[in-house]
Amino acid sequence: MTATSSSPQPDTGGKAAASPAGVREIKIAHSPDSDDAFMFYGLATNKVRVNGFKFTHTLSDIETLNRKAISEPFYDVTAISFHAYPYMQQNYALMSCGGSVGEGYGPMVVSSRKIKPEDLGKVRVAVPGELTTAYLTLKLFNPRIETVNIPFDKIIPEVVAGNFDAGLIIHEGQLTYATNGLQKVIDLGVWWRDLTGLPLPLGGNAIRRSLGEETMLTVTKALRESIQHALDHREEALAYAMQFARDLDASLANRFVSMYVNERTLAYGEDGKEAIRRLLEMGHERGIIPMASNVEFIG
């Protein structure tokens, strides 16, 4: 495949520069995390190219991307939490690759003191946003838990400072919480697996329906090739991803990327797709998600 690509830039809310004549720009948005950087390495560094297309990259935290995709479908491809998908399904479909799936692990509730999982309904828990899949899973576990929204990278410091009894952590915090003197209350990926026998689907990539079927398929194929390129050139892709690895050394960054960019990222598998449907159906049945979901995969 042939293409041009630009380096990732922070989200400024501005319009992208015009593309050269005859080249179609595809605006991609994803989170500034090492696993996302790893999977988009091929496209972001021009290792994977698509004739007639230019890919531009914007970085923003996942909750901001969730809300932007719901209110203003500006990006052609956007990383999202699966919890947010029903709210944007009219404008976006799910790409069949690029997902982060917990194979018996996932977001955790941590605390500076010993708390039993069954007692979480008695304390305040800092959460990284009400549209995250972590939040949905926590509410499926116990709908009575009192939550307060906090930027995901502030949750561990706020719990350490004693401002919250517990915190729901995502991203690299799953590997670093113990170094901050915190202890695990519950791993929601383990709880979900014990409940359903399925992996826990956390986030994926959505593609704008207005691109048209042919372009949606072409772009989905390009993302899959970008993921495969990173897996095939792991050392180089990890070196690129390290610039986004907050507070992780090379060993931990490699471990974190391995957790969330693997064969399951190339293709969900039938159990992975079933897990996405089951998660959203349960959320709707229990009144957490107000609308029924129509899960459609592209590619």
Protein backbone atom coordinates (compact mmCIF):
# COMPACT_ATOMS: atom_id res chain seq x y z
CA MET A 1 0.00 0.00 0.00
CA THR A 2 1.25 3.68 -0.53
CA ALA A 3 0.35 6.84 1.59
CA THR A 4 1.53 9.96 3.27
CA SER A 5 1.24 10.51 7.01
CA SER A 6 1.99 13.23 9.50
CA SER A 7 3.39 12.95 13.00
CA PRO A 8 0.83 12.88 15.81
CA GLN A 9 -0.14 16.29 17.14
CA PRO A 10 -2.02 17.37 20.27
CA ASP A 11 -5.71 18.13 19.77
CA THR A 12 -6.04 21.87 19.20
CA GLY A 13 -9.53 21.69 17.77
CA GLY A 14 -8.34 23.31 14.56
CA LYS A 15 -8.93 22.23 11.00
CA ALA A 16 -6.31 20.11 9.25
CA ALA A 17 -4.36 21.62 6.39
CA ALA A 18 -5.65 20.99 2.90
CA SER A 19 -4.36 17.83 1.21
CA PRO A 20 -2.62 17.87 -2.19
CA ALA A 21 -4.91 17.60 -5.19
CA GLY A 22 -6.10 14.06 -5.75
CA VAL A 23 -5.13 12.91 -2.24
CA ARG A 24 -7.85 12.20 0.29
CA GLU A 25 -7.09 13.15 3.88
CA ILE A 26 -8.14 10.73 6.61
CA LYS A 27 -8.22 12.39 10.03
CA ILE A 28 -7.30 9.93 12.79
CA ALA A 29 -7.59 10.59 16.52
CA HIS A 30 -6.31 8.36 19.29
CA SER A 31 -5.07 8.59 22.85
CA PRO A 32 -1.48 9.52 23.77
CA ASP A 33 -0.74 6.05 25.13
CA SER A 34 2.01 3.61 24.27
CA ASP A 35 -0.37 0.90 23.06
CA ASP A 36 -2.19 3.25 20.66
CA ALA A 37 1.13 4.69 19.48
CA PHE A 38 2.40 1.16 18.86
CA MET A 39 -0.56 0.11 16.72
CA PHE A 40 -0.53 3.35 14.67
CA TYR A 41 3.27 3.28 14.27
CA GLY A 42 3.12 2.07 10.68
CA LEU A 43 0.74 4.80 9.54
CA ALA A 44 2.22 7.60 11.66
CA THR A 45 5.77 7.01 10.41
CA ASN A 46 4.90 6.35 6.78
CA LYS A 47 5.92 2.70 6.93
CA VAL A 48 2.45 1.75 5.71
CA ARG A 49 1.19 3.68 2.70
CA VAL A 50 -2.08 3.79 0.80
CA ASN A 51 -2.23 5.23 -2.71
CA GLY A 52 -4.37 8.35 -2.84
CA PHE A 53 -4.66 8.81 0.92
CA LYS A 54 -2.97 11.01 3.48
CA PHE A 55 -3.32 10.20 7.19
CA THR A 56 -3.14 12.94 9.81
CA HIS A 57 -3.02 12.11 13.52
CA THR A 58 -4.42 13.95 16.54
CA LEU A 59 -3.81 12.93 20.15
CA SER A 60 -6.33 13.39 22.94
CA ASP A 61 -7.45 11.53 26.06
CA ILE A 62 -10.06 8.85 25.53
CA GLU A 63 -12.93 10.52 27.39
CA THR A 64 -12.49 13.67 25.28
CA LEU A 65 -12.49 11.55 22.12
CA ASN A 66 -15.64 9.74 23.27
CA ARG A 67 -17.52 12.98 23.79
CA LYS A 68 -16.24 14.59 20.61
CA ALA A 69 -17.33 11.61 18.50
CA ILE A 70 -20.80 11.81 20.02
CA SER A 71 -21.30 15.55 19.70
CA GLU A 72 -19.30 16.36 16.55
CA PRO A 73 -18.17 13.52 14.24
CA PHE A 74 -15.13 15.46 12.99
CA TYR A 75 -12.57 12.64 12.88
CA ASP A 76 -12.74 9.96 10.22
CA VAL A 77 -11.21 7.35 12.54
CA THR A 78 -11.30 7.74 16.28
CA ALA A 79 -10.31 5.65 19.24
CA ILE A 80 -13.30 5.14 21.51
CA SER A 81 -14.39 3.29 24.60
CA PHE A 82 -16.82 0.51 23.69
CA HIS A 83 -19.19 1.93 26.30
CA ALA A 84 -19.49 5.08 24.17
CA TYR A 85 -20.29 3.29 20.91
CA PRO A 86 -24.12 3.15 21.24
CA TYR A 87 -24.18 6.95 21.58
CA MET A 88 -22.37 7.44 18.26
CA GLN A 89 -23.51 4.40 16.27
CA GLN A 90 -25.57 6.47 13.85
CA ASN A 91 -22.42 8.19 12.57
CA TYR A 92 -19.75 5.53 13.18
CA ALA A 93 -19.21 1.81 12.72
CA LEU A 94 -16.61 -0.29 14.54
CA MET A 95 -13.45 -1.27 12.71
CA SER A 96 -12.84 -5.02 12.93
CA CYS A 97 -9.28 -4.44 14.16
CA GLY A 98 -7.49 -2.11 16.55
CA GLY A 99 -9.24 -3.13 19.75
CA SER A 100 -7.80 -3.30 23.26
CA VAL A 101 -9.10 -6.43 24.96
CA GLY A 102 -8.31 -7.70 28.44
CA GLU A 103 -7.68 -11.45 28.49
CA GLY A 104 -8.60 -12.01 32.13
CA TYR A 105 -7.33 -8.60 33.20
CA GLY A 106 -8.52 -5.04 32.85
CA PRO A 107 -9.27 -1.84 34.74
CA MET A 108 -8.73 -2.10 38.48
CA VAL A 109 -10.08 -0.45 41.58
CA VAL A 110 -7.19 0.40 43.90
CA SER A 111 -6.98 1.93 47.35
CA SER A 112 -4.42 2.98 49.93
CA ARG A 113 -6.15 0.75 52.48
CA LYS A 114 -7.72 -2.67 52.49
CA ILE A 115 -11.27 -2.59 51.12
CA LYS A 116 -13.34 -5.64 50.29
CA PRO A 117 -14.92 -5.58 46.81
CA GLU A 118 -18.38 -5.98 48.35
CA ASP A 119 -17.79 -2.82 50.40
CA LEU A 120 -17.14 -0.52 47.42
CA GLY A 121 -20.77 0.63 47.60
CA LYS A 122 -19.87 2.40 50.83
CA VAL A 123 -17.02 4.56 49.51
CA ARG A 124 -16.32 7.23 46.88
CA VAL A 125 -14.41 6.03 43.83
CA ALA A 126 -12.56 8.32 41.42
CA VAL A 127 -13.26 7.24 37.82
CA PRO A 128 -11.73 8.31 34.47
CA GLY A 129 -15.03 9.31 32.84
CA GLU A 130 -18.58 8.04 32.64
CA LEU A 131 -18.25 6.99 28.99
CA THR A 132 -15.25 4.73 29.59
CA THR A 133 -15.73 0.99 29.49
CA ALA A 134 -14.04 0.88 32.88
CA TYR A 135 -16.92 2.91 34.31
CA LEU A 136 -19.54 0.73 32.62
CA THR A 137 -17.94 -2.44 33.98
CA LEU A 138 -17.70 -0.95 37.48
CA LYS A 139 -21.41 -0.10 37.40
CA LEU A 140 -22.25 -3.58 36.16
CA PHE A 141 -20.29 -4.94 39.10
CA ASN A 142 -22.09 -2.70 41.61
CA PRO A 143 -24.49 0.05 40.46
CA ARG A 144 -24.56 1.59 43.95
CA ILE A 145 -20.94 2.73 43.90
CA GLU A 146 -20.60 6.51 44.24
CA THR A 147 -18.25 7.85 41.56
CA VAL A 148 -16.53 11.16 40.81
CA ASN A 149 -14.98 11.96 37.42
CA ILE A 150 -11.24 12.70 37.53
CA PRO A 151 -8.72 12.88 34.65
CA PHE A 152 -7.29 9.37 34.36
CA ASP A 153 -3.70 10.47 35.06
CA LYS A 154 -4.75 12.23 38.28
CA ILE A 155 -6.55 9.26 39.85
CA ILE A 156 -3.55 7.57 41.47
CA PRO A 157 -2.17 10.84 42.93
CA GLU A 158 -5.64 11.75 44.27
CA VAL A 159 -6.05 8.37 45.96
CA VAL A 160 -2.51 8.55 47.39
CA ALA A 161 -3.30 12.03 48.74
CA GLY A 162 -6.36 10.63 50.52
CA ASN A 163 -8.88 12.66 48.55
CA PHE A 164 -10.71 9.50 47.49
CA ASP A 165 -11.19 6.15 49.18
CA ALA A 166 -10.44 4.32 45.95
CA GLY A 167 -9.76 4.90 42.26
CA LEU A 168 -10.63 3.12 39.03
CA ILE A 169 -7.40 2.96 37.03
CA ILE A 170 -6.81 2.38 33.33
CA HIS A 171 -3.81 2.51 30.99
CA GLU A 172 -0.33 2.20 32.51
CA GLY A 173 -1.64 2.64 36.04
CA GLN A 174 -2.56 -1.04 35.95
CA LEU A 175 1.18 -1.80 36.12
CA THR A 176 2.41 1.02 38.37
CA TYR A 177 -0.16 1.40 41.18
CA ALA A 178 1.79 -0.76 43.65
CA THR A 179 4.86 1.48 43.38
CA ASN A 180 2.65 4.26 44.76
CA GLY A 181 1.78 2.21 47.83
CA LEU A 182 -1.69 1.27 46.59
CA GLN A 183 -3.33 -2.14 46.72
CA LYS A 184 -5.80 -3.81 44.40
CA VAL A 185 -9.42 -4.05 45.51
CA ILE A 186 -10.72 -5.78 42.36
CA ASP A 187 -9.60 -6.44 38.81
CA LEU A 188 -12.73 -5.96 36.70
CA GLY A 189 -11.27 -8.03 33.86
CA VAL A 190 -11.06 -11.02 36.19
CA TRP A 191 -14.59 -10.36 37.48
CA TRP A 192 -15.98 -10.14 33.92
CA ARG A 193 -14.26 -13.35 32.84
CA ASP A 194 -15.60 -15.19 35.89
CA LEU A 195 -19.10 -13.86 35.16
CA THR A 196 -19.23 -14.45 31.40
CA GLY A 197 -16.28 -16.62 30.41
CA LEU A 198 -15.33 -13.90 27.91
CA PRO A 199 -12.47 -11.42 27.54
CA LEU A 200 -13.22 -7.82 28.52
CA PRO A 201 -13.35 -5.50 25.46
CA LEU A 202 -12.22 -2.05 26.55
CA GLY A 203 -11.64 0.19 23.57
CA GLY A 204 -11.64 0.09 19.81
CA ASN A 205 -11.49 2.26 16.73
CA ALA A 206 -14.59 3.65 15.05
CA ILE A 207 -14.79 4.83 11.45
CA ARG A 208 -17.15 7.47 10.08
CA ARG A 209 -19.94 6.01 7.95
CA SER A 210 -20.06 9.01 5.62
CA LEU A 211 -16.69 7.97 4.15
CA GLY A 212 -18.55 5.32 2.17
CA GLU A 213 -18.10 1.57 2.16
CA GLU A 214 -15.08 1.40 -0.14
CA THR A 215 -13.06 3.95 1.82
CA MET A 216 -14.09 2.43 5.14
CA LEU A 217 -12.77 -0.95 4.00
CA THR A 218 -9.54 0.57 2.61
CA VAL A 219 -8.80 2.47 5.82
CA THR A 220 -9.62 -0.52 8.00
CA LYS A 221 -7.19 -2.62 5.95
CA ALA A 222 -4.55 0.09 6.38
CA LEU A 223 -4.95 0.04 10.16
CA ARG A 224 -4.67 -3.75 10.22
CA GLU A 225 -1.47 -3.51 8.17
CA SER A 226 -0.14 -0.86 10.56
CA ILE A 227 -0.77 -3.18 13.54
CA GLN A 228 0.87 -6.09 11.74
CA HIS A 229 3.84 -3.93 10.80
CA ALA A 230 4.35 -2.97 14.45
CA LEU A 231 4.13 -6.59 15.56
CA ASP A 232 6.59 -7.61 12.84
CA HIS A 233 9.00 -4.77 13.70
CA ARG A 234 8.51 -4.81 17.44
CA GLU A 235 11.79 -3.22 18.51
CA GLU A 236 11.37 -0.18 16.26
CA ALA A 237 7.68 0.19 17.09
CA LEU A 238 8.40 -0.01 20.83
CA ALA A 239 11.10 2.63 20.53
CA TYR A 240 8.54 4.89 18.86
CA ALA A 241 5.88 4.08 21.47
CA MET A 242 8.25 4.80 24.39
CA GLN A 243 7.79 8.54 23.88
CA PHE A 244 4.15 8.03 24.96
CA ALA A 245 4.89 5.59 27.82
CA ARG A 246 4.14 7.67 30.90
CA ASP A 247 6.29 6.59 33.88
CA LEU A 248 7.17 3.24 32.28
CA ASP A 249 10.62 1.90 31.61
CA ALA A 250 11.25 -0.13 28.47
CA SER A 251 10.43 -3.44 30.17
CA LEU A 252 7.09 -2.25 31.55
CA ALA A 253 6.21 -0.51 28.28
CA ASN A 254 6.82 -3.76 26.43
CA ARG A 255 4.63 -5.60 28.92
CA PHE A 256 1.84 -3.03 28.65
CA VAL A 257 1.89 -3.06 24.84
CA SER A 258 1.82 -6.87 24.88
CA MET A 259 -1.31 -6.76 27.04
CA TYR A 260 -3.27 -4.63 24.61
CA VAL A 261 -1.68 -5.00 21.15
CA ASN A 262 -1.55 -8.63 20.06
CA GLU A 263 -3.34 -11.13 17.81
CA ARG A 264 -6.64 -10.03 19.34
CA THR A 265 -5.91 -6.50 18.07
CA LEU A 266 -5.60 -7.79 14.53
CA ALA A 267 -8.97 -9.57 14.78
CA TYR A 268 -11.38 -9.75 17.71
CA GLY A 269 -12.39 -13.34 17.08
CA GLU A 270 -15.95 -14.55 17.50
CA ASP A 271 -15.69 -14.56 21.31
CA GLY A 272 -14.29 -11.03 21.24
CA LYS A 273 -17.19 -9.80 19.10
CA GLU A 274 -19.63 -11.63 21.36
CA ALA A 275 -18.03 -9.96 24.38
CA ILE A 276 -18.62 -6.50 22.87
CA ARG A 277 -22.27 -7.32 22.17
CA ARG A 278 -22.77 -8.86 25.62
CA LEU A 279 -21.20 -5.91 27.42
CA LEU A 280 -23.39 -3.37 25.65
CA GLU A 281 -26.54 -5.48 25.98
CA MET A 282 -25.99 -5.84 29.73
CA GLY A 283 -25.39 -2.11 30.04
CA HIS A 284 -28.70 -1.42 28.29
CA GLU A 285 -30.65 -4.08 30.19
CA ARG A 286 -29.47 -2.64 33.52
CA GLY A 287 -30.31 0.94 32.60
CA ILE A 288 -26.74 2.23 32.35
CA ILE A 289 -26.91 2.76 28.58
CA PRO A 290 -30.22 4.36 27.51
CA MET A 291 -30.34 2.95 23.97
CA ALA A 292 -29.95 -0.49 22.45
CA SER A 293 -26.73 -1.03 20.50
CA ASN A 294 -26.42 -2.11 16.88
CA VAL A 295 -22.86 -3.40 16.68
CA GLU A 296 -21.54 -3.36 13.11
CA PHE A 297 -17.96 -4.28 12.19
CA ILE A 298 -16.20 -2.98 9.10
CA GLY A 299 -13.68 -5.30 7.45
